[in-house]
Amino acid sequence: MNFKPLSNHLFLEPIEEEKVTAGGIVLPETAEKEKPVKAKVVAVGPGKKNDKGELQAMSVKIGDVVLFKKYGPDELELEGKKYLVGDEDDILAIVE
């Protein structure tokens, strides 16, 4: 991958959740409401400058698994692979 996000932007690789219930019922995509989605952080920008011109470091790093709103980041295809591109404000939590 030969790209680096600017400012507080980041690239995410979606993690496909299993869409089968414990009883073996396959759930269609339409059954999913706006629940948070998991993704792995694959590229992170340097951060955003505050009003004083100081760089605010990012809270996430490459390799973190994060939760975000389903309709937060934008989808993008680079080098034949699908990514989600958003900014740090789209992230709800880091999964530990």
C-alpha atoms as a PDB file:
ATOM      1  CA  MET A   1       0.000   0.000   0.000  1.00  0.00           C
ATOM      2  CA  ASN A   2       1.588   3.236  -1.147  1.00  0.00           C
ATOM      3  CA  PHE A   3      -0.579   5.947   0.368  1.00  0.00           C
ATOM      4  CA  LYS A   4      -0.701   7.938   3.598  1.00  0.00           C
ATOM      5  CA  PRO A   5      -3.809   9.753   4.850  1.00  0.00           C
ATOM      6  CA  LEU A   6      -3.556  13.451   5.636  1.00  0.00           C
ATOM      7  CA  SER A   7      -4.680  15.307   8.755  1.00  0.00           C
ATOM      8  CA  ASN A   8      -6.922  13.177  11.022  1.00  0.00           C
ATOM      9  CA  HIS A   9      -8.060  10.812   8.257  1.00  0.00           C
ATOM     10  CA  LEU A  10      -7.640   7.055   8.405  1.00  0.00           C
ATOM     11  CA  PHE A  11      -8.098   3.985   6.233  1.00  0.00           C
ATOM     12  CA  LEU A  12     -10.010   1.026   7.617  1.00  0.00           C
ATOM     13  CA  GLU A  13     -10.261  -2.557   6.423  1.00  0.00           C
ATOM     14  CA  PRO A  14     -13.787  -3.846   7.166  1.00  0.00           C
ATOM     15  CA  ILE A  15     -14.085  -6.968   9.321  1.00  0.00           C
ATOM     16  CA  GLU A  16     -16.977  -9.106   8.147  1.00  0.00           C
ATOM     17  CA  GLU A  17     -19.223 -10.082  11.047  1.00  0.00           C
ATOM     18  CA  GLU A  18     -20.859 -13.506  11.032  1.00  0.00           C
ATOM     19  CA  LYS A  19     -24.464 -13.056   9.972  1.00  0.00           C
ATOM     20  CA  VAL A  20     -25.759 -16.356  11.315  1.00  0.00           C
ATOM     21  CA  THR A  21     -27.574 -16.652  14.636  1.00  0.00           C
ATOM     22  CA  ALA A  22     -26.630 -19.254  17.237  1.00  0.00           C
ATOM     23  CA  GLY A  23     -29.578 -21.335  16.005  1.00  0.00           C
ATOM     24  CA  GLY A  24     -28.186 -21.353  12.459  1.00  0.00           C
ATOM     25  CA  ILE A  25     -30.511 -18.751  10.944  1.00  0.00           C
ATOM     26  CA  VAL A  26     -28.818 -16.639   8.257  1.00  0.00           C
ATOM     27  CA  LEU A  27     -29.628 -12.949   8.699  1.00  0.00           C
ATOM     28  CA  PRO A  28     -30.083 -10.791   5.582  1.00  0.00           C
ATOM     29  CA  GLU A  29     -28.308  -7.431   5.338  1.00  0.00           C
ATOM     30  CA  THR A  30     -31.642  -5.642   5.710  1.00  0.00           C
ATOM     31  CA  ALA A  31     -32.023  -7.107   9.209  1.00  0.00           C
ATOM     32  CA  GLU A  32     -29.082  -5.054  10.403  1.00  0.00           C
ATOM     33  CA  LYS A  33     -29.988  -1.665  11.764  1.00  0.00           C
ATOM     34  CA  GLU A  34     -27.450   1.110  12.307  1.00  0.00           C
ATOM     35  CA  LYS A  35     -25.383  -0.963  14.701  1.00  0.00           C
ATOM     36  CA  PRO A  36     -21.645  -0.262  15.017  1.00  0.00           C
ATOM     37  CA  VAL A  37     -19.340  -2.082  12.607  1.00  0.00           C
ATOM     38  CA  LYS A  38     -15.814  -3.408  13.226  1.00  0.00           C
ATOM     39  CA  ALA A  39     -12.763  -2.599  11.123  1.00  0.00           C
ATOM     40  CA  LYS A  40      -8.989  -2.831  11.345  1.00  0.00           C
ATOM     41  CA  VAL A  41      -6.996   0.399  11.022  1.00  0.00           C
ATOM     42  CA  VAL A  42      -4.526   0.054   8.118  1.00  0.00           C
ATOM     43  CA  ALA A  43      -3.311   3.659   7.683  1.00  0.00           C
ATOM     44  CA  VAL A  44      -3.422   6.732   9.915  1.00  0.00           C
ATOM     45  CA  GLY A  45      -2.746  10.403   9.226  1.00  0.00           C
ATOM     46  CA  PRO A  46      -0.483  12.469  11.507  1.00  0.00           C
ATOM     47  CA  GLY A  47      -3.358  14.208  13.306  1.00  0.00           C
ATOM     48  CA  LYS A  48      -5.169  17.521  13.168  1.00  0.00           C
ATOM     49  CA  LYS A  49      -3.848  20.919  14.206  1.00  0.00           C
ATOM     50  CA  ASN A  50      -5.704  22.750  16.953  1.00  0.00           C
ATOM     51  CA  ASP A  51      -6.429  26.502  17.120  1.00  0.00           C
ATOM     52  CA  LYS A  52      -2.900  27.166  18.427  1.00  0.00           C
ATOM     53  CA  GLY A  53      -1.337  25.347  15.475  1.00  0.00           C
ATOM     54  CA  GLU A  54      -0.218  22.399  17.629  1.00  0.00           C
ATOM     55  CA  LEU A  55      -0.576  18.910  16.191  1.00  0.00           C
ATOM     56  CA  GLN A  56      -3.024  16.725  18.134  1.00  0.00           C
ATOM     57  CA  ALA A  57      -1.872  13.113  17.950  1.00  0.00           C
ATOM     58  CA  MET A  58      -4.329  10.469  16.769  1.00  0.00           C
ATOM     59  CA  SER A  59      -5.988   8.191  19.343  1.00  0.00           C
ATOM     60  CA  VAL A  60      -5.782   5.136  17.078  1.00  0.00           C
ATOM     61  CA  LYS A  61      -2.812   3.406  15.488  1.00  0.00           C
ATOM     62  CA  ILE A  62      -2.272   0.917  12.685  1.00  0.00           C
ATOM     63  CA  GLY A  63      -3.503  -2.533  13.712  1.00  0.00           C
ATOM     64  CA  ASP A  64      -6.195  -1.305  16.129  1.00  0.00           C
ATOM     65  CA  VAL A  65      -9.652  -2.857  15.746  1.00  0.00           C
ATOM     66  CA  VAL A  66     -12.276  -0.143  16.041  1.00  0.00           C
ATOM     67  CA  LEU A  67     -16.056   0.288  16.079  1.00  0.00           C
ATOM     68  CA  PHE A  68     -17.723   2.923  13.927  1.00  0.00           C
ATOM     69  CA  LYS A  69     -21.218   3.810  12.760  1.00  0.00           C
ATOM     70  CA  LYS A  70     -22.339   1.871   9.700  1.00  0.00           C
ATOM     71  CA  TYR A  71     -22.803   5.007   7.603  1.00  0.00           C
ATOM     72  CA  GLY A  72     -19.812   6.972   8.953  1.00  0.00           C
ATOM     73  CA  PRO A  73     -16.792   6.412   6.679  1.00  0.00           C
ATOM     74  CA  ASP A  74     -16.875   6.411   2.873  1.00  0.00           C
ATOM     75  CA  GLU A  75     -16.087   3.300   0.820  1.00  0.00           C
ATOM     76  CA  LEU A  76     -13.099   3.382  -1.513  1.00  0.00           C
ATOM     77  CA  GLU A  77     -11.407   0.792  -3.703  1.00  0.00           C
ATOM     78  CA  LEU A  78      -7.623   0.989  -4.100  1.00  0.00           C
ATOM     79  CA  GLU A  79      -5.386  -1.572  -5.746  1.00  0.00           C
ATOM     80  CA  GLY A  80      -8.386  -3.932  -6.049  1.00  0.00           C
ATOM     81  CA  LYS A  81      -9.151  -3.900  -2.337  1.00  0.00           C
ATOM     82  CA  LYS A  82     -12.091  -2.257  -0.538  1.00  0.00           C
ATOM     83  CA  TYR A  83     -11.357   0.216   2.247  1.00  0.00           C
ATOM     84  CA  LEU A  84     -13.329   2.611   4.386  1.00  0.00           C
ATOM     85  CA  VAL A  85     -11.989   6.159   4.608  1.00  0.00           C
ATOM     86  CA  GLY A  86     -13.025   8.511   7.354  1.00  0.00           C
ATOM     87  CA  ASP A  87     -11.689  10.716  10.056  1.00  0.00           C
ATOM     88  CA  GLU A  88     -11.061  10.096  13.710  1.00  0.00           C
ATOM     89  CA  ASP A  89     -14.485  11.508  14.631  1.00  0.00           C
ATOM     90  CA  ASP A  90     -16.154   8.519  12.875  1.00  0.00           C
ATOM     91  CA  ILE A  91     -14.610   6.102  15.402  1.00  0.00           C
ATOM     92  CA  LEU A  92     -16.794   5.181  18.380  1.00  0.00           C
ATOM     93  CA  ALA A  93     -14.383   2.923  20.287  1.00  0.00           C
ATOM     94  CA  ILE A  94     -11.204   0.840  20.148  1.00  0.00           C
ATOM     95  CA  VAL A  95     -11.841  -2.891  20.701  1.00  0.00           C
ATOM     96  CA  GLU A  96      -9.403  -4.378  23.212  1.00  0.00           C
END
